[in-house]
Amino acid sequence: MNERELWTPDLHQLNQLRLTWDVRFGSRASIYLGPTANYLLSRRKDPESGLLQTSLAPYLWINHAKAGHTTHQFWGGLTAGVRI
């Protein structure tokens, strides 16, 4: 995954678990809604601060970041949409 760069050569991997509830409208359309668990593994250095971190997460439930080690970040969210 690239963040504020055309190409990110370092490890920067977002994993998501989504559990959605779907409601059908007719035979071809539906809406869905549900929680999302986000887990980010990263060795990307922020170009502005030089620290191993990301600006992707709006807030963090878990943030394991040590100098020179892979950063592990976990946060929750919500997913919703329309399927046609």
N, C-alpha and C. Protein backbone atom coordinates (compact mmCIF):
# COMPACT_ATOMS: atom_id res chain seq x y z
N MET A 1 0.85 -1.16 0.00
CA MET A 1 0.00 0.00 0.00
C MET A 1 0.90 1.23 0.00
N ASN A 2 0.59 2.19 -0.82
CA ASN A 2 1.37 3.43 -0.90
C ASN A 2 0.68 4.53 -0.09
N GLU A 3 1.49 5.33 0.56
CA GLU A 3 0.97 6.42 1.39
C GLU A 3 1.77 7.68 1.11
N ARG A 4 1.12 8.67 0.54
CA ARG A 4 1.72 9.97 0.21
C ARG A 4 2.98 9.84 -0.64
N GLU A 5 3.09 8.74 -1.39
CA GLU A 5 4.21 8.51 -2.29
C GLU A 5 3.70 7.76 -3.51
N LEU A 6 4.41 7.88 -4.64
CA LEU A 6 4.04 7.13 -5.82
C LEU A 6 4.31 5.65 -5.61
N TRP A 7 5.40 5.32 -4.90
CA TRP A 7 5.76 3.94 -4.61
C TRP A 7 6.39 3.88 -3.23
N THR A 8 5.95 2.95 -2.39
CA THR A 8 6.51 2.75 -1.06
C THR A 8 7.27 1.42 -1.08
N PRO A 9 8.62 1.46 -1.08
CA PRO A 9 9.39 0.22 -1.19
C PRO A 9 9.43 -0.60 0.10
N ASP A 10 9.20 0.02 1.25
CA ASP A 10 9.25 -0.68 2.53
C ASP A 10 7.93 -1.38 2.83
N LEU A 11 7.97 -2.32 3.80
CA LEU A 11 6.76 -3.01 4.23
C LEU A 11 5.73 -1.98 4.71
N HIS A 12 4.53 -2.06 4.17
CA HIS A 12 3.44 -1.15 4.56
C HIS A 12 2.15 -1.86 4.19
N GLN A 13 1.68 -2.74 5.06
CA GLN A 13 0.60 -3.66 4.74
C GLN A 13 -0.61 -3.44 5.65
N LEU A 14 -1.76 -3.15 5.04
CA LEU A 14 -3.01 -2.99 5.77
C LEU A 14 -3.84 -4.25 5.62
N ASN A 15 -4.24 -4.83 6.76
CA ASN A 15 -5.11 -6.00 6.78
C ASN A 15 -6.44 -5.59 7.41
N GLN A 16 -7.54 -6.08 6.85
CA GLN A 16 -8.86 -5.71 7.36
C GLN A 16 -9.74 -6.94 7.55
N LEU A 17 -10.53 -6.92 8.59
CA LEU A 17 -11.57 -7.91 8.82
C LEU A 17 -12.89 -7.14 8.83
N ARG A 18 -13.78 -7.49 7.91
CA ARG A 18 -15.07 -6.81 7.80
C ARG A 18 -16.20 -7.81 8.00
N LEU A 19 -17.12 -7.47 8.89
CA LEU A 19 -18.33 -8.26 9.10
C LEU A 19 -19.50 -7.38 8.72
N THR A 20 -20.20 -7.74 7.65
CA THR A 20 -21.26 -6.85 7.15
C THR A 20 -22.63 -7.53 7.19
N TRP A 21 -23.62 -6.70 7.34
CA TRP A 21 -25.02 -7.09 7.30
C TRP A 21 -25.60 -6.51 6.01
N ASP A 22 -26.29 -7.33 5.25
CA ASP A 22 -26.76 -6.96 3.92
C ASP A 22 -28.28 -6.99 3.86
N VAL A 23 -28.88 -5.93 3.30
CA VAL A 23 -30.33 -5.87 3.10
C VAL A 23 -30.59 -5.69 1.62
N ARG A 24 -31.35 -6.61 1.04
CA ARG A 24 -31.64 -6.57 -0.40
C ARG A 24 -32.85 -5.68 -0.70
N PHE A 25 -32.76 -4.99 -1.82
CA PHE A 25 -33.86 -4.19 -2.37
C PHE A 25 -34.09 -4.68 -3.79
N GLY A 26 -35.11 -5.47 -3.98
CA GLY A 26 -35.35 -6.05 -5.30
C GLY A 26 -34.37 -7.18 -5.58
N SER A 27 -34.22 -7.52 -6.84
CA SER A 27 -33.37 -8.65 -7.19
C SER A 27 -31.92 -8.25 -7.48
N ARG A 28 -31.64 -6.94 -7.64
CA ARG A 28 -30.29 -6.54 -8.06
C ARG A 28 -29.59 -5.53 -7.17
N ALA A 29 -30.21 -5.05 -6.14
CA ALA A 29 -29.58 -4.01 -5.32
C ALA A 29 -29.68 -4.36 -3.83
N SER A 30 -28.67 -3.89 -3.09
CA SER A 30 -28.69 -4.08 -1.64
C SER A 30 -27.81 -3.01 -0.99
N ILE A 31 -28.02 -2.82 0.29
CA ILE A 31 -27.13 -1.95 1.07
C ILE A 31 -26.47 -2.83 2.13
N TYR A 32 -25.28 -2.44 2.55
CA TYR A 32 -24.58 -3.21 3.57
C TYR A 32 -23.97 -2.26 4.60
N LEU A 33 -23.77 -2.80 5.81
CA LEU A 33 -23.25 -2.02 6.93
C LEU A 33 -22.59 -2.98 7.91
N GLY A 34 -21.47 -2.56 8.50
CA GLY A 34 -20.84 -3.40 9.50
C GLY A 34 -19.53 -2.84 10.02
N PRO A 35 -18.99 -3.44 11.09
CA PRO A 35 -17.73 -2.99 11.67
C PRO A 35 -16.52 -3.50 10.88
N THR A 36 -15.41 -2.78 11.01
CA THR A 36 -14.16 -3.15 10.37
C THR A 36 -13.04 -3.09 11.40
N ALA A 37 -12.23 -4.15 11.45
CA ALA A 37 -11.02 -4.16 12.28
C ALA A 37 -9.83 -3.97 11.34
N ASN A 38 -9.00 -2.96 11.60
CA ASN A 38 -7.85 -2.64 10.76
C ASN A 38 -6.56 -2.93 11.52
N TYR A 39 -5.63 -3.61 10.84
CA TYR A 39 -4.33 -3.94 11.42
C TYR A 39 -3.26 -3.58 10.41
N LEU A 40 -2.34 -2.69 10.79
CA LEU A 40 -1.31 -2.20 9.88
C LEU A 40 0.07 -2.64 10.37
N LEU A 41 0.83 -3.27 9.48
CA LEU A 41 2.24 -3.59 9.71
C LEU A 41 3.04 -2.65 8.83
N SER A 42 4.02 -1.96 9.38
CA SER A 42 4.74 -0.98 8.58
C SER A 42 6.18 -0.81 9.03
N ARG A 43 7.05 -0.62 8.04
CA ARG A 43 8.43 -0.21 8.27
C ARG A 43 8.69 1.09 7.49
N ARG A 44 7.62 1.77 7.11
CA ARG A 44 7.71 3.01 6.35
C ARG A 44 8.13 4.16 7.25
N LYS A 45 9.08 4.95 6.78
CA LYS A 45 9.48 6.15 7.51
C LYS A 45 8.70 7.34 6.98
N ASP A 46 8.14 8.12 7.89
CA ASP A 46 7.45 9.34 7.52
C ASP A 46 8.48 10.31 6.95
N PRO A 47 8.28 10.81 5.72
CA PRO A 47 9.27 11.71 5.12
C PRO A 47 9.46 13.03 5.87
N GLU A 48 8.44 13.46 6.59
CA GLU A 48 8.54 14.74 7.31
C GLU A 48 9.25 14.59 8.65
N SER A 49 8.94 13.52 9.40
CA SER A 49 9.52 13.36 10.74
C SER A 49 10.68 12.38 10.79
N GLY A 50 10.77 11.47 9.79
CA GLY A 50 11.82 10.46 9.81
C GLY A 50 11.54 9.30 10.73
N LEU A 51 10.36 9.27 11.37
CA LEU A 51 9.99 8.21 12.30
C LEU A 51 9.24 7.09 11.57
N LEU A 52 9.33 5.87 12.11
CA LEU A 52 8.56 4.76 11.57
C LEU A 52 7.12 4.92 12.05
N GLN A 53 6.28 5.48 11.21
CA GLN A 53 4.88 5.71 11.59
C GLN A 53 4.05 5.94 10.34
N THR A 54 2.76 6.02 10.52
CA THR A 54 1.83 6.27 9.43
C THR A 54 0.83 7.35 9.83
N SER A 55 0.30 8.04 8.86
CA SER A 55 -0.76 9.00 9.12
C SER A 55 -2.10 8.44 8.64
N LEU A 56 -2.11 7.15 8.30
CA LEU A 56 -3.31 6.51 7.77
C LEU A 56 -4.41 6.36 8.82
N ALA A 57 -4.05 5.97 10.03
CA ALA A 57 -5.04 5.71 11.08
C ALA A 57 -5.59 7.01 11.66
N PRO A 58 -6.93 7.14 11.74
CA PRO A 58 -7.50 8.35 12.33
C PRO A 58 -7.31 8.41 13.85
N TYR A 59 -7.21 7.25 14.48
CA TYR A 59 -6.96 7.10 15.92
C TYR A 59 -6.45 5.67 16.09
N LEU A 60 -5.89 5.34 17.23
CA LEU A 60 -5.34 4.01 17.43
C LEU A 60 -5.83 3.38 18.73
N TRP A 61 -6.19 2.10 18.67
CA TRP A 61 -6.49 1.34 19.87
C TRP A 61 -5.20 0.74 20.41
N ILE A 62 -4.36 0.23 19.51
CA ILE A 62 -3.07 -0.36 19.87
C ILE A 62 -2.01 0.23 18.95
N ASN A 63 -0.90 0.66 19.54
CA ASN A 63 0.20 1.21 18.74
C ASN A 63 1.52 0.72 19.34
N HIS A 64 2.13 -0.27 18.69
CA HIS A 64 3.42 -0.79 19.12
C HIS A 64 4.46 -0.28 18.13
N ALA A 65 5.16 0.76 18.52
CA ALA A 65 6.20 1.33 17.67
C ALA A 65 7.46 1.50 18.49
N LYS A 66 8.53 0.82 18.06
CA LYS A 66 9.84 0.95 18.70
C LYS A 66 10.83 1.35 17.63
N ALA A 67 11.82 2.13 17.99
CA ALA A 67 12.82 2.60 17.05
C ALA A 67 13.49 1.42 16.34
N GLY A 68 13.49 1.42 15.02
CA GLY A 68 14.14 0.39 14.23
C GLY A 68 13.38 -0.90 14.07
N HIS A 69 12.17 -1.02 14.63
CA HIS A 69 11.38 -2.24 14.53
C HIS A 69 10.11 -1.98 13.72
N THR A 70 9.48 -3.06 13.31
CA THR A 70 8.22 -2.96 12.57
C THR A 70 7.13 -2.39 13.46
N THR A 71 6.37 -1.45 12.95
CA THR A 71 5.27 -0.83 13.68
C THR A 71 4.01 -1.67 13.51
N HIS A 72 3.30 -1.92 14.61
CA HIS A 72 2.02 -2.64 14.60
C HIS A 72 0.95 -1.68 15.12
N GLN A 73 -0.06 -1.42 14.30
CA GLN A 73 -1.13 -0.50 14.71
C GLN A 73 -2.48 -1.17 14.46
N PHE A 74 -3.43 -0.93 15.39
CA PHE A 74 -4.75 -1.54 15.30
C PHE A 74 -5.79 -0.49 15.63
N TRP A 75 -6.84 -0.41 14.80
CA TRP A 75 -7.94 0.51 15.06
C TRP A 75 -9.21 -0.05 14.41
N GLY A 76 -10.35 0.43 14.83
CA GLY A 76 -11.63 -0.02 14.32
C GLY A 76 -12.28 1.01 13.43
N GLY A 77 -13.27 0.58 12.71
CA GLY A 77 -13.97 1.49 11.83
C GLY A 77 -15.32 0.93 11.45
N LEU A 78 -15.92 1.52 10.44
CA LEU A 78 -17.25 1.16 9.98
C LEU A 78 -17.22 1.13 8.46
N THR A 79 -17.87 0.16 7.88
CA THR A 79 -17.99 0.10 6.42
C THR A 79 -19.47 0.09 6.04
N ALA A 80 -19.78 0.78 4.97
CA ALA A 80 -21.17 0.86 4.49
C ALA A 80 -21.14 1.12 3.00
N GLY A 81 -22.17 0.67 2.32
CA GLY A 81 -22.21 0.92 0.88
C GLY A 81 -23.44 0.36 0.22
N VAL A 82 -23.45 0.47 -1.11
CA VAL A 82 -24.56 0.00 -1.94
C VAL A 82 -23.98 -0.98 -2.95
N ARG A 83 -24.64 -2.12 -3.10
CA ARG A 83 -24.27 -3.10 -4.13
C ARG A 83 -25.35 -3.09 -5.20
N ILE A 84 -24.92 -3.09 -6.45
CA ILE A 84 -25.88 -3.12 -7.57
C ILE A 84 -25.56 -4.33 -8.44
